[in-house]
């Protein structure tokens, strides 16, 4: 049997190993544009395979689980760059040195798309961006969601897109709560395309008073970045409301920002 030519091999690699893939495309690496990749997107994963020359053995495929994907976006290149760029943000479990178990670590994937490099005009630039946005939108739509009930613990599934209020006690965790927000939480909310309002508590029962009187219809969830104390304030504020039976059903997110974080540790234990 004859050896496949370069175009045929690229087509085979472009199709990828995922039989249920619904999208296929060819991208290059975002840094240099010298490495070529075939991307395949299915309902459950993004498959990435490097395209080699015909004389090289087929490269192995990497399957990125969409359950670990936080979000995806597309953007234009800078200045004279007619290309568009696709970014996807994954947080898979990985083992870390000196850690007691696997932890989620950030893995950003960036790809460059240029459908037709011969035509240097606005139409081609727009076409590149439209195609990159189509991929980003499909990745977001296909991102798998956690089941509503895990190991007997009931979760409230928040619709997407959504908006959240983030409450932070700047004194929690020996003053490290704001550093956690600035260094991690804010970036992750941006990557997930979740608009949010930051509230920094200023005195005891600030969160309780705020939650008791605020219009909860503005937010799909309340996120508490602190120790256990701020969470108790929020729950008490919800229970103080006249519409407490409805208010208490508001989804709450707990981000450990205190010293002990006993409640967050307990919730994590029962949901692993």
C-alpha atoms as a PDB file:
ATOM      1  CA  UNK A   1       0.000   0.000   0.000  1.00  0.00           C
ATOM      2  CA  UNK A   2       1.306   3.439  -0.918  1.00  0.00           C
ATOM      3  CA  UNK A   3       2.374   5.829   1.795  1.00  0.00           C
ATOM      4  CA  UNK A   4      -0.216   8.596   2.334  1.00  0.00           C
ATOM      5  CA  UNK A   5       0.807  12.010   1.072  1.00  0.00           C
ATOM      6  CA  UNK A   6       1.092  15.015   3.395  1.00  0.00           C
ATOM      7  CA  UNK A   7      -2.400  16.337   2.725  1.00  0.00           C
ATOM      8  CA  UNK A   8      -3.954  12.932   3.361  1.00  0.00           C
ATOM      9  CA  UNK A   9      -2.017  12.452   6.598  1.00  0.00           C
ATOM     10  CA  UNK A  10      -3.004  15.914   7.779  1.00  0.00           C
ATOM     11  CA  UNK A  11      -6.642  15.131   7.013  1.00  0.00           C
ATOM     12  CA  UNK A  12      -6.421  11.893   9.018  1.00  0.00           C
ATOM     13  CA  UNK A  13      -4.810  13.689  11.945  1.00  0.00           C
ATOM     14  CA  UNK A  14      -7.276  16.543  11.619  1.00  0.00           C
ATOM     15  CA  UNK A  15     -10.140  14.117  12.122  1.00  0.00           C
ATOM     16  CA  UNK A  16      -8.546  12.983  15.360  1.00  0.00           C
ATOM     17  CA  UNK A  17      -9.099   9.792  17.335  1.00  0.00           C
ATOM     18  CA  UNK A  18     -12.354  10.849  18.975  1.00  0.00           C
ATOM     19  CA  UNK A  19     -15.106   9.080  17.077  1.00  0.00           C
ATOM     20  CA  UNK A  20     -17.785  11.331  18.524  1.00  0.00           C
ATOM     21  CA  UNK A  21     -15.995  14.595  17.730  1.00  0.00           C
ATOM     22  CA  UNK A  22     -18.292  17.265  16.356  1.00  0.00           C
ATOM     23  CA  UNK A  23     -15.702  19.873  15.395  1.00  0.00           C
ATOM     24  CA  UNK A  24     -12.313  19.574  13.726  1.00  0.00           C
ATOM     25  CA  UNK A  25      -9.761  22.238  12.952  1.00  0.00           C
ATOM     26  CA  UNK A  26      -6.089  22.950  12.354  1.00  0.00           C
ATOM     27  CA  UNK A  27      -4.287  25.473  14.559  1.00  0.00           C
ATOM     28  CA  UNK A  28      -0.713  26.476  15.289  1.00  0.00           C
ATOM     29  CA  UNK A  29       0.944  27.223  18.598  1.00  0.00           C
ATOM     30  CA  UNK A  30       0.243  30.713  19.874  1.00  0.00           C
ATOM     31  CA  UNK A  31       3.849  31.592  20.650  1.00  0.00           C
ATOM     32  CA  UNK A  32       5.735  30.937  17.406  1.00  0.00           C
ATOM     33  CA  UNK A  33       3.179  29.614  14.920  1.00  0.00           C
ATOM     34  CA  UNK A  34       5.667  26.918  13.883  1.00  0.00           C
ATOM     35  CA  UNK A  35       3.967  23.892  15.434  1.00  0.00           C
ATOM     36  CA  UNK A  36       0.745  22.646  13.878  1.00  0.00           C
ATOM     37  CA  UNK A  37      -2.015  20.935  15.832  1.00  0.00           C
ATOM     38  CA  UNK A  38      -5.206  19.143  14.892  1.00  0.00           C
ATOM     39  CA  UNK A  39      -8.007  19.892  17.351  1.00  0.00           C
ATOM     40  CA  UNK A  40     -11.133  17.780  17.757  1.00  0.00           C
ATOM     41  CA  UNK A  41     -13.979  18.716  20.072  1.00  0.00           C
ATOM     42  CA  UNK A  42     -16.564  16.273  21.382  1.00  0.00           C
ATOM     43  CA  UNK A  43     -19.172  16.572  24.112  1.00  0.00           C
ATOM     44  CA  UNK A  44     -16.683  15.336  26.698  1.00  0.00           C
ATOM     45  CA  UNK A  45     -13.163  16.352  25.680  1.00  0.00           C
ATOM     46  CA  UNK A  46     -10.884  18.501  23.572  1.00  0.00           C
ATOM     47  CA  UNK A  47      -8.375  16.341  21.711  1.00  0.00           C
ATOM     48  CA  UNK A  48      -5.054  17.902  20.708  1.00  0.00           C
ATOM     49  CA  UNK A  49      -2.699  16.145  18.293  1.00  0.00           C
ATOM     50  CA  UNK A  50       0.464  17.556  16.813  1.00  0.00           C
ATOM     51  CA  UNK A  51       0.721  17.206  13.033  1.00  0.00           C
ATOM     52  CA  UNK A  52       4.112  15.880  12.003  1.00  0.00           C
ATOM     53  CA  UNK A  53       5.760  15.602   8.623  1.00  0.00           C
ATOM     54  CA  UNK A  54       4.842  12.525   6.512  1.00  0.00           C
ATOM     55  CA  UNK A  55       8.161  10.860   7.357  1.00  0.00           C
ATOM     56  CA  UNK A  56       7.619  11.175  11.107  1.00  0.00           C
ATOM     57  CA  UNK A  57       5.592   8.694  13.157  1.00  0.00           C
ATOM     58  CA  UNK A  58       2.105   9.850  14.167  1.00  0.00           C
ATOM     59  CA  UNK A  59       2.127  11.939  17.310  1.00  0.00           C
ATOM     60  CA  UNK A  60       0.167  10.788  20.321  1.00  0.00           C
ATOM     61  CA  UNK A  61      -3.055  12.577  21.153  1.00  0.00           C
ATOM     62  CA  UNK A  62      -3.785  14.477  24.337  1.00  0.00           C
ATOM     63  CA  UNK A  63      -7.342  14.378  25.639  1.00  0.00           C
ATOM     64  CA  UNK A  64      -8.378  17.339  27.794  1.00  0.00           C
ATOM     65  CA  UNK A  65     -11.424  16.541  29.910  1.00  0.00           C
ATOM     66  CA  UNK A  66     -14.064  19.256  29.626  1.00  0.00           C
ATOM     67  CA  UNK A  67     -15.123  18.587  33.218  1.00  0.00           C
ATOM     68  CA  UNK A  68     -11.851  20.312  34.139  1.00  0.00           C
ATOM     69  CA  UNK A  69     -12.455  23.251  31.793  1.00  0.00           C
ATOM     70  CA  UNK A  70     -13.370  26.523  33.457  1.00  0.00           C
ATOM     71  CA  UNK A  71     -13.932  28.593  30.336  1.00  0.00           C
ATOM     72  CA  UNK A  72     -12.755  29.595  26.894  1.00  0.00           C
ATOM     73  CA  UNK A  73     -12.445  32.797  24.897  1.00  0.00           C
ATOM     74  CA  UNK A  74     -11.230  34.101  21.549  1.00  0.00           C
ATOM     75  CA  UNK A  75      -9.460  37.340  20.723  1.00  0.00           C
ATOM     76  CA  UNK A  76      -7.734  39.143  17.875  1.00  0.00           C
ATOM     77  CA  UNK A  77      -4.028  39.367  17.353  1.00  0.00           C
ATOM     78  CA  UNK A  78      -2.132  42.563  18.082  1.00  0.00           C
ATOM     79  CA  UNK A  79      -1.597  45.323  15.508  1.00  0.00           C
ATOM     80  CA  UNK A  80      -0.562  43.798  12.159  1.00  0.00           C
ATOM     81  CA  UNK A  81      -1.339  40.237  13.229  1.00  0.00           C
ATOM     82  CA  UNK A  82      -4.345  39.062  11.182  1.00  0.00           C
ATOM     83  CA  UNK A  83      -4.685  35.854  13.188  1.00  0.00           C
ATOM     84  CA  UNK A  84      -7.177  35.042  15.908  1.00  0.00           C
ATOM     85  CA  UNK A  85      -6.367  33.214  19.131  1.00  0.00           C
ATOM     86  CA  UNK A  86      -8.263  30.538  21.027  1.00  0.00           C
ATOM     87  CA  UNK A  87      -7.704  30.193  24.784  1.00  0.00           C
ATOM     88  CA  UNK A  88      -9.083  27.435  27.010  1.00  0.00           C
ATOM     89  CA  UNK A  89      -8.569  27.241  30.767  1.00  0.00           C
ATOM     90  CA  UNK A  90      -8.318  23.854  32.466  1.00  0.00           C
ATOM     91  CA  UNK A  91      -7.866  22.994  36.142  1.00  0.00           C
ATOM     92  CA  UNK A  92      -7.156  19.239  36.234  1.00  0.00           C
ATOM     93  CA  UNK A  93      -6.160  17.299  39.331  1.00  0.00           C
ATOM     94  CA  UNK A  94      -2.407  16.737  39.500  1.00  0.00           C
ATOM     95  CA  UNK A  95      -0.016  15.564  42.145  1.00  0.00           C
ATOM     96  CA  UNK A  96       2.128  18.288  43.619  1.00  0.00           C
ATOM     97  CA  UNK A  97       5.391  17.975  45.486  1.00  0.00           C
ATOM     98  CA  UNK A  98       4.857  17.667  49.247  1.00  0.00           C
ATOM     99  CA  UNK A  99       1.059  17.757  48.862  1.00  0.00           C
ATOM    100  CA  UNK A 100      -1.023  15.159  50.707  1.00  0.00           C
ATOM    101  CA  UNK A 101      -3.011  14.373  47.567  1.00  0.00           C
ATOM    102  CA  UNK A 102      -3.779  15.588  44.053  1.00  0.00           C
ATOM    103  CA  UNK A 103      -4.796  19.223  43.731  1.00  0.00           C
ATOM    104  CA  UNK A 104      -6.223  21.233  40.863  1.00  0.00           C
ATOM    105  CA  UNK A 105      -3.599  23.155  38.924  1.00  0.00           C
ATOM    106  CA  UNK A 106      -4.107  25.730  36.206  1.00  0.00           C
ATOM    107  CA  UNK A 107      -3.388  24.655  32.623  1.00  0.00           C
ATOM    108  CA  UNK A 108      -3.957  27.350  29.992  1.00  0.00           C
ATOM    109  CA  UNK A 109      -4.019  26.242  26.350  1.00  0.00           C
ATOM    110  CA  UNK A 110      -3.564  28.851  23.611  1.00  0.00           C
ATOM    111  CA  UNK A 111      -3.775  28.252  19.875  1.00  0.00           C
ATOM    112  CA  UNK A 112      -3.379  30.486  16.839  1.00  0.00           C
ATOM    113  CA  UNK A 113      -5.832  30.384  13.933  1.00  0.00           C
ATOM    114  CA  UNK A 114      -5.273  31.803  10.464  1.00  0.00           C
ATOM    115  CA  UNK A 115      -7.664  30.456   7.864  1.00  0.00           C
ATOM    116  CA  UNK A 116      -5.974  32.113   4.904  1.00  0.00           C
ATOM    117  CA  UNK A 117      -2.599  33.738   5.375  1.00  0.00           C
ATOM    118  CA  UNK A 118      -2.428  34.912   1.738  1.00  0.00           C
ATOM    119  CA  UNK A 119      -5.195  37.489   2.020  1.00  0.00           C
ATOM    120  CA  UNK A 120      -4.224  40.329   4.301  1.00  0.00           C
ATOM    121  CA  UNK A 121      -7.494  42.218   4.697  1.00  0.00           C
ATOM    122  CA  UNK A 122     -10.216  42.992   7.189  1.00  0.00           C
ATOM    123  CA  UNK A 123     -12.534  40.260   5.869  1.00  0.00           C
ATOM    124  CA  UNK A 124      -9.971  37.552   6.557  1.00  0.00           C
ATOM    125  CA  UNK A 125      -9.237  38.988   9.995  1.00  0.00           C
ATOM    126  CA  UNK A 126     -12.945  38.912  10.828  1.00  0.00           C
ATOM    127  CA  UNK A 127     -13.246  35.363   9.476  1.00  0.00           C
ATOM    128  CA  UNK A 128     -10.403  34.210  11.714  1.00  0.00           C
ATOM    129  CA  UNK A 129     -12.036  35.771  14.758  1.00  0.00           C
ATOM    130  CA  UNK A 130     -15.468  34.342  13.929  1.00  0.00           C
ATOM    131  CA  UNK A 131     -14.037  30.845  13.638  1.00  0.00           C
ATOM    132  CA  UNK A 132     -12.073  31.173  16.883  1.00  0.00           C
ATOM    133  CA  UNK A 133     -15.202  32.466  18.630  1.00  0.00           C
ATOM    134  CA  UNK A 134     -17.162  29.507  17.269  1.00  0.00           C
ATOM    135  CA  UNK A 135     -14.659  27.161  18.891  1.00  0.00           C
ATOM    136  CA  UNK A 136     -14.644  29.086  22.170  1.00  0.00           C
ATOM    137  CA  UNK A 137     -18.438  29.088  22.287  1.00  0.00           C
ATOM    138  CA  UNK A 138     -18.603  25.355  21.555  1.00  0.00           C
ATOM    139  CA  UNK A 139     -16.066  24.585  24.294  1.00  0.00           C
ATOM    140  CA  UNK A 140     -18.073  26.617  26.800  1.00  0.00           C
ATOM    141  CA  UNK A 141     -21.318  24.944  25.756  1.00  0.00           C
ATOM    142  CA  UNK A 142     -19.811  21.458  25.927  1.00  0.00           C
ATOM    143  CA  UNK A 143     -18.165  21.937  29.291  1.00  0.00           C
ATOM    144  CA  UNK A 144     -19.515  19.145  31.450  1.00  0.00           C
ATOM    145  CA  UNK A 145     -21.261  20.117  34.678  1.00  0.00           C
ATOM    146  CA  UNK A 146     -21.087  18.414  38.040  1.00  0.00           C
ATOM    147  CA  UNK A 147     -24.101  16.199  38.841  1.00  0.00           C
ATOM    148  CA  UNK A 148     -26.695  17.694  41.161  1.00  0.00           C
ATOM    149  CA  UNK A 149     -26.248  15.027  43.836  1.00  0.00           C
ATOM    150  CA  UNK A 150     -22.894  13.531  44.824  1.00  0.00           C
ATOM    151  CA  UNK A 151     -22.402  11.083  47.703  1.00  0.00           C
ATOM    152  CA  UNK A 152     -25.593  12.243  49.376  1.00  0.00           C
ATOM    153  CA  UNK A 153     -24.622  15.936  49.317  1.00  0.00           C
ATOM    154  CA  UNK A 154     -27.083  18.154  47.467  1.00  0.00           C
ATOM    155  CA  UNK A 155     -25.699  20.836  45.165  1.00  0.00           C
ATOM    156  CA  UNK A 156     -27.486  23.775  43.588  1.00  0.00           C
ATOM    157  CA  UNK A 157     -26.580  23.985  39.929  1.00  0.00           C
ATOM    158  CA  UNK A 158     -26.052  27.588  38.905  1.00  0.00           C
ATOM    159  CA  UNK A 159     -27.116  28.472  35.388  1.00  0.00           C
ATOM    160  CA  UNK A 160     -24.599  29.852  32.922  1.00  0.00           C
ATOM    161  CA  UNK A 161     -24.062  32.655  32.236  1.00  0.00           C
ATOM    162  CA  UNK A 162     -24.471  33.850  35.787  1.00  0.00           C
ATOM    163  CA  UNK A 163     -23.520  36.703  38.090  1.00  0.00           C
ATOM    164  CA  UNK A 164     -22.295  36.383  41.668  1.00  0.00           C
ATOM    165  CA  UNK A 165     -21.593  38.537  44.686  1.00  0.00           C
ATOM    166  CA  UNK A 166     -18.234  37.789  46.312  1.00  0.00           C
ATOM    167  CA  UNK A 167     -17.926  38.677  49.998  1.00  0.00           C
ATOM    168  CA  UNK A 168     -14.428  38.861  51.461  1.00  0.00           C
ATOM    169  CA  UNK A 169     -13.338  39.400  55.034  1.00  0.00           C
ATOM    170  CA  UNK A 170      -9.907  41.082  54.638  1.00  0.00           C
ATOM    171  CA  UNK A 171      -8.931  40.045  58.173  1.00  0.00           C
ATOM    172  CA  UNK A 172      -9.405  36.322  57.524  1.00  0.00           C
ATOM    173  CA  UNK A 173      -6.501  33.948  57.267  1.00  0.00           C
ATOM    174  CA  UNK A 174      -4.091  36.337  58.947  1.00  0.00           C
ATOM    175  CA  UNK A 175      -4.967  38.918  56.330  1.00  0.00           C
ATOM    176  CA  UNK A 176      -4.427  36.626  53.325  1.00  0.00           C
ATOM    177  CA  UNK A 177      -8.024  36.514  52.052  1.00  0.00           C
ATOM    178  CA  UNK A 178      -7.584  39.526  49.755  1.00  0.00           C
ATOM    179  CA  UNK A 179      -4.356  38.058  48.390  1.00  0.00           C
ATOM    180  CA  UNK A 180      -6.271  34.893  47.495  1.00  0.00           C
ATOM    181  CA  UNK A 181      -8.909  36.951  45.720  1.00  0.00           C
ATOM    182  CA  UNK A 182      -6.394  39.054  43.785  1.00  0.00           C
ATOM    183  CA  UNK A 183      -4.109  36.140  42.956  1.00  0.00           C
ATOM    184  CA  UNK A 184      -6.599  33.396  42.109  1.00  0.00           C
ATOM    185  CA  UNK A 185     -10.318  34.024  42.482  1.00  0.00           C
ATOM    186  CA  UNK A 186     -10.595  37.154  40.348  1.00  0.00           C
ATOM    187  CA  UNK A 187      -8.689  35.524  37.480  1.00  0.00           C
ATOM    188  CA  UNK A 188     -10.783  32.353  37.618  1.00  0.00           C
ATOM    189  CA  UNK A 189     -14.048  34.302  37.543  1.00  0.00           C
ATOM    190  CA  UNK A 190     -12.763  36.220  34.525  1.00  0.00           C
ATOM    191  CA  UNK A 191     -11.730  33.010  32.769  1.00  0.00           C
ATOM    192  CA  UNK A 192     -15.178  31.549  33.446  1.00  0.00           C
ATOM    193  CA  UNK A 193     -16.785  34.757  32.097  1.00  0.00           C
ATOM    194  CA  UNK A 194     -18.708  35.268  35.350  1.00  0.00           C
ATOM    195  CA  UNK A 195     -19.429  38.920  36.186  1.00  0.00           C
ATOM    196  CA  UNK A 196     -19.216  39.601  39.886  1.00  0.00           C
ATOM    197  CA  UNK A 197     -19.435  42.295  42.521  1.00  0.00           C
ATOM    198  CA  UNK A 198     -16.757  42.356  45.205  1.00  0.00           C
ATOM    199  CA  UNK A 199     -17.838  43.294  48.731  1.00  0.00           C
ATOM    200  CA  UNK A 200     -15.104  43.758  51.341  1.00  0.00           C
ATOM    201  CA  UNK A 201     -16.616  43.578  54.810  1.00  0.00           C
ATOM    202  CA  UNK A 202     -15.684  46.423  57.145  1.00  0.00           C
ATOM    203  CA  UNK A 203     -17.078  45.430  60.539  1.00  0.00           C
ATOM    204  CA  UNK A 204     -18.817  42.560  62.365  1.00  0.00           C
ATOM    205  CA  UNK A 205     -22.278  41.728  60.960  1.00  0.00           C
ATOM    206  CA  UNK A 206     -21.604  43.814  57.839  1.00  0.00           C
ATOM    207  CA  UNK A 207     -22.361  40.790  55.642  1.00  0.00           C
ATOM    208  CA  UNK A 208     -25.438  39.895  57.698  1.00  0.00           C
ATOM    209  CA  UNK A 209     -26.934  43.365  57.302  1.00  0.00           C
ATOM    210  CA  UNK A 210     -26.067  43.492  53.608  1.00  0.00           C
ATOM    211  CA  UNK A 211     -27.574  40.111  52.771  1.00  0.00           C
ATOM    212  CA  UNK A 212     -30.687  40.846  54.825  1.00  0.00           C
ATOM    213  CA  UNK A 213     -31.460  43.996  52.832  1.00  0.00           C
ATOM    214  CA  UNK A 214     -29.999  43.417  49.353  1.00  0.00           C
ATOM    215  CA  UNK A 215     -31.988  42.567  46.229  1.00  0.00           C
ATOM    216  CA  UNK A 216     -31.012  38.934  45.717  1.00  0.00           C
ATOM    217  CA  UNK A 217     -32.572  38.822  42.251  1.00  0.00           C
ATOM    218  CA  UNK A 218     -29.430  40.581  40.967  1.00  0.00           C
ATOM    219  CA  UNK A 219     -27.271  37.552  41.756  1.00  0.00           C
ATOM    220  CA  UNK A 220     -27.367  33.867  40.938  1.00  0.00           C
ATOM    221  CA  UNK A 221     -25.127  32.938  43.878  1.00  0.00           C
ATOM    222  CA  UNK A 222     -23.287  34.352  46.877  1.00  0.00           C
ATOM    223  CA  UNK A 223     -19.615  33.423  47.245  1.00  0.00           C
ATOM    224  CA  UNK A 224     -17.915  33.710  50.633  1.00  0.00           C
ATOM    225  CA  UNK A 225     -14.117  34.007  50.765  1.00  0.00           C
ATOM    226  CA  UNK A 226     -13.297  33.845  54.450  1.00  0.00           C
ATOM    227  CA  UNK A 227     -13.354  31.532  57.422  1.00  0.00           C
ATOM    228  CA  UNK A 228     -16.489  29.986  58.915  1.00  0.00           C
ATOM    229  CA  UNK A 229     -17.582  33.219  60.623  1.00  0.00           C
ATOM    230  CA  UNK A 230     -18.510  35.146  57.478  1.00  0.00           C
ATOM    231  CA  UNK A 231     -20.522  32.208  56.168  1.00  0.00           C
ATOM    232  CA  UNK A 232     -22.541  32.150  59.392  1.00  0.00           C
ATOM    233  CA  UNK A 233     -23.208  35.883  58.976  1.00  0.00           C
ATOM    234  CA  UNK A 234     -24.494  35.330  55.441  1.00  0.00           C
ATOM    235  CA  UNK A 235     -26.747  32.435  56.468  1.00  0.00           C
ATOM    236  CA  UNK A 236     -28.134  34.443  59.388  1.00  0.00           C
ATOM    237  CA  UNK A 237     -28.765  37.380  57.060  1.00  0.00           C
ATOM    238  CA  UNK A 238     -30.723  35.132  54.705  1.00  0.00           C
ATOM    239  CA  UNK A 239     -32.770  33.774  57.603  1.00  0.00           C
ATOM    240  CA  UNK A 240     -33.513  37.317  58.858  1.00  0.00           C
ATOM    241  CA  UNK A 241     -35.318  38.216  55.629  1.00  0.00           C
ATOM    242  CA  UNK A 242     -39.093  38.234  55.308  1.00  0.00           C
ATOM    243  CA  UNK A 243     -38.722  36.014  52.244  1.00  0.00           C
ATOM    244  CA  UNK A 244     -36.307  33.704  54.066  1.00  0.00           C
ATOM    245  CA  UNK A 245     -37.871  30.507  52.710  1.00  0.00           C
ATOM    246  CA  UNK A 246     -36.946  31.574  49.182  1.00  0.00           C
ATOM    247  CA  UNK A 247     -33.754  33.421  50.125  1.00  0.00           C
ATOM    248  CA  UNK A 248     -32.218  30.437  51.914  1.00  0.00           C
ATOM    249  CA  UNK A 249     -32.297  28.539  48.610  1.00  0.00           C
ATOM    250  CA  UNK A 250     -29.761  30.966  47.124  1.00  0.00           C
ATOM    251  CA  UNK A 251     -26.688  28.943  46.093  1.00  0.00           C
ATOM    252  CA  UNK A 252     -23.699  29.609  48.350  1.00  0.00           C
ATOM    253  CA  UNK A 253     -20.082  29.148  47.356  1.00  0.00           C
ATOM    254  CA  UNK A 254     -17.457  28.564  50.054  1.00  0.00           C
ATOM    255  CA  UNK A 255     -13.848  29.521  49.346  1.00  0.00           C
ATOM    256  CA  UNK A 256     -11.523  28.735  52.266  1.00  0.00           C
ATOM    257  CA  UNK A 257      -9.851  31.976  53.275  1.00  0.00           C
ATOM    258  CA  UNK A 258      -9.614  31.583  57.038  1.00  0.00           C
ATOM    259  CA  UNK A 259      -7.152  29.900  59.366  1.00  0.00           C
ATOM    260  CA  UNK A 260      -8.879  26.597  60.114  1.00  0.00           C
ATOM    261  CA  UNK A 261     -11.525  26.386  57.369  1.00  0.00           C
ATOM    262  CA  UNK A 262     -13.230  23.474  59.123  1.00  0.00           C
ATOM    263  CA  UNK A 263     -16.518  23.793  57.251  1.00  0.00           C
ATOM    264  CA  UNK A 264     -14.880  24.080  53.826  1.00  0.00           C
ATOM    265  CA  UNK A 265     -12.704  21.060  54.641  1.00  0.00           C
ATOM    266  CA  UNK A 266     -15.771  19.050  55.659  1.00  0.00           C
ATOM    267  CA  UNK A 267     -17.668  19.943  52.487  1.00  0.00           C
ATOM    268  CA  UNK A 268     -14.634  19.049  50.367  1.00  0.00           C
ATOM    269  CA  UNK A 269     -14.264  15.714  52.184  1.00  0.00           C
ATOM    270  CA  UNK A 270     -17.813  14.640  51.366  1.00  0.00           C
ATOM    271  CA  UNK A 271     -17.684  15.748  47.731  1.00  0.00           C
ATOM    272  CA  UNK A 272     -14.426  14.175  46.595  1.00  0.00           C
END
